[in-house]
Amino acid sequence: MTRLQKELIIFFVILLILAFIQHPDLLNRFSRLPDAVVYGMGAFHPLAFALIGYVVIGIFRLIAAGIQKIFRKKN
């Protein structure tokens, strides 16, 4: 599995988790998605919010990788 495939899986898992947290009745909402009015984004708001979540988690992943790198060099 390539790095891109892993990152896409992470993105879509974040998308699904955020969607089900916000909308427990998600399966009933798909028919209304084209009419969604959220911050003027319409049907693209799930992707935008998932991207924000992905970036936030990515920052924490970079910080964790940097900390691991520091401790590996000392040993």
C-alpha atoms as a PDB file:
ATOM      1  CA  MET A   1       0.000   0.000   0.000  1.00  0.00           C
ATOM      2  CA  THR A   2       1.437   3.356  -1.002  1.00  0.00           C
ATOM      3  CA  ARG A   3       1.695   6.406   1.224  1.00  0.00           C
ATOM      4  CA  LEU A   4      -1.048   8.157  -0.783  1.00  0.00           C
ATOM      5  CA  GLN A   5      -3.440   5.255  -0.296  1.00  0.00           C
ATOM      6  CA  LYS A   6      -2.786   5.286   3.457  1.00  0.00           C
ATOM      7  CA  GLU A   7      -3.429   9.022   3.652  1.00  0.00           C
ATOM      8  CA  LEU A   8      -6.656   8.688   1.641  1.00  0.00           C
ATOM      9  CA  ILE A   9      -7.844   5.972   4.006  1.00  0.00           C
ATOM     10  CA  ILE A  10      -7.066   8.227   6.981  1.00  0.00           C
ATOM     11  CA  PHE A  11      -8.966  11.106   5.331  1.00  0.00           C
ATOM     12  CA  PHE A  12     -12.067   9.025   4.630  1.00  0.00           C
ATOM     13  CA  VAL A  13     -12.053   7.520   8.122  1.00  0.00           C
ATOM     14  CA  ILE A  14     -11.976  11.052   9.542  1.00  0.00           C
ATOM     15  CA  LEU A  15     -14.799  11.997   7.168  1.00  0.00           C
ATOM     16  CA  LEU A  16     -16.959   9.093   8.315  1.00  0.00           C
ATOM     17  CA  ILE A  17     -16.231   9.584  12.012  1.00  0.00           C
ATOM     18  CA  LEU A  18     -17.046  13.296  11.883  1.00  0.00           C
ATOM     19  CA  ALA A  19     -20.171  12.663   9.813  1.00  0.00           C
ATOM     20  CA  PHE A  20     -21.546  10.040  12.191  1.00  0.00           C
ATOM     21  CA  ILE A  21     -20.704  12.133  15.263  1.00  0.00           C
ATOM     22  CA  GLN A  22     -22.582  15.131  13.880  1.00  0.00           C
ATOM     23  CA  HIS A  23     -25.409  13.191  12.237  1.00  0.00           C
ATOM     24  CA  PRO A  24     -26.332   9.880  13.877  1.00  0.00           C
ATOM     25  CA  ASP A  25     -29.166   9.631  11.346  1.00  0.00           C
ATOM     26  CA  LEU A  26     -26.706  10.059   8.477  1.00  0.00           C
ATOM     27  CA  LEU A  27     -28.233   7.458   6.191  1.00  0.00           C
ATOM     28  CA  ASN A  28     -31.515   9.401   6.202  1.00  0.00           C
ATOM     29  CA  ARG A  29     -29.718  12.667   5.377  1.00  0.00           C
ATOM     30  CA  PHE A  30     -28.130  11.684   2.045  1.00  0.00           C
ATOM     31  CA  SER A  31     -31.253  12.664   0.124  1.00  0.00           C
ATOM     32  CA  ARG A  32     -31.117  16.174   1.626  1.00  0.00           C
ATOM     33  CA  LEU A  33     -27.371  16.721   1.093  1.00  0.00           C
ATOM     34  CA  PRO A  34     -27.670  18.632  -2.217  1.00  0.00           C
ATOM     35  CA  ASP A  35     -29.917  21.170  -0.460  1.00  0.00           C
ATOM     36  CA  ALA A  36     -27.592  21.625   2.518  1.00  0.00           C
ATOM     37  CA  VAL A  37     -26.770  25.190   3.462  1.00  0.00           C
ATOM     38  CA  VAL A  38     -23.781  25.190   5.802  1.00  0.00           C
ATOM     39  CA  TYR A  39     -21.593  28.302   5.724  1.00  0.00           C
ATOM     40  CA  GLY A  40     -22.442  28.666   2.030  1.00  0.00           C
ATOM     41  CA  MET A  41     -20.675  25.417   1.107  1.00  0.00           C
ATOM     42  CA  GLY A  42     -23.732  23.343   0.317  1.00  0.00           C
ATOM     43  CA  ALA A  43     -23.060  19.675  -0.373  1.00  0.00           C
ATOM     44  CA  PHE A  44     -19.276  20.149  -0.076  1.00  0.00           C
ATOM     45  CA  HIS A  45     -19.357  20.931   3.650  1.00  0.00           C
ATOM     46  CA  PRO A  46     -18.548  17.337   4.746  1.00  0.00           C
ATOM     47  CA  LEU A  47     -15.371  17.386   2.662  1.00  0.00           C
ATOM     48  CA  ALA A  48     -14.358  20.799   3.970  1.00  0.00           C
ATOM     49  CA  PHE A  49     -14.848  19.811   7.605  1.00  0.00           C
ATOM     50  CA  ALA A  50     -13.035  16.503   7.051  1.00  0.00           C
ATOM     51  CA  LEU A  51     -10.139  18.410   5.481  1.00  0.00           C
ATOM     52  CA  ILE A  52      -9.956  20.656   8.550  1.00  0.00           C
ATOM     53  CA  GLY A  53      -9.917  17.572  10.793  1.00  0.00           C
ATOM     54  CA  TYR A  54      -7.261  15.938   8.601  1.00  0.00           C
ATOM     55  CA  VAL A  55      -5.035  19.021   8.830  1.00  0.00           C
ATOM     56  CA  VAL A  56      -5.410  19.228  12.622  1.00  0.00           C
ATOM     57  CA  ILE A  57      -4.596  15.538  13.041  1.00  0.00           C
ATOM     58  CA  GLY A  58      -1.738  15.943  10.550  1.00  0.00           C
ATOM     59  CA  ILE A  59      -0.200  18.665  12.685  1.00  0.00           C
ATOM     60  CA  PHE A  60      -0.288  16.374  15.723  1.00  0.00           C
ATOM     61  CA  ARG A  61       1.236  13.560  13.646  1.00  0.00           C
ATOM     62  CA  LEU A  62       4.086  15.853  12.558  1.00  0.00           C
ATOM     63  CA  ILE A  63       4.741  16.960  16.125  1.00  0.00           C
ATOM     64  CA  ALA A  64       4.778  13.327  17.311  1.00  0.00           C
ATOM     65  CA  ALA A  65       7.163  12.359  14.490  1.00  0.00           C
ATOM     66  CA  GLY A  66       9.459  15.254  15.391  1.00  0.00           C
ATOM     67  CA  ILE A  67       9.521  14.250  19.051  1.00  0.00           C
ATOM     68  CA  GLN A  68      10.282  10.641  18.121  1.00  0.00           C
ATOM     69  CA  LYS A  69      13.089  11.826  15.855  1.00  0.00           C
ATOM     70  CA  ILE A  70      14.650  13.845  18.684  1.00  0.00           C
ATOM     71  CA  PHE A  71      14.648  10.893  21.081  1.00  0.00           C
ATOM     72  CA  ARG A  72      15.969   8.453  18.474  1.00  0.00           C
ATOM     73  CA  LYS A  73      19.004  10.642  17.763  1.00  0.00           C
ATOM     74  CA  LYS A  74      19.952  10.821  21.451  1.00  0.00           C
ATOM     75  CA  ASN A  75      20.066   7.053  21.820  1.00  0.00           C
END
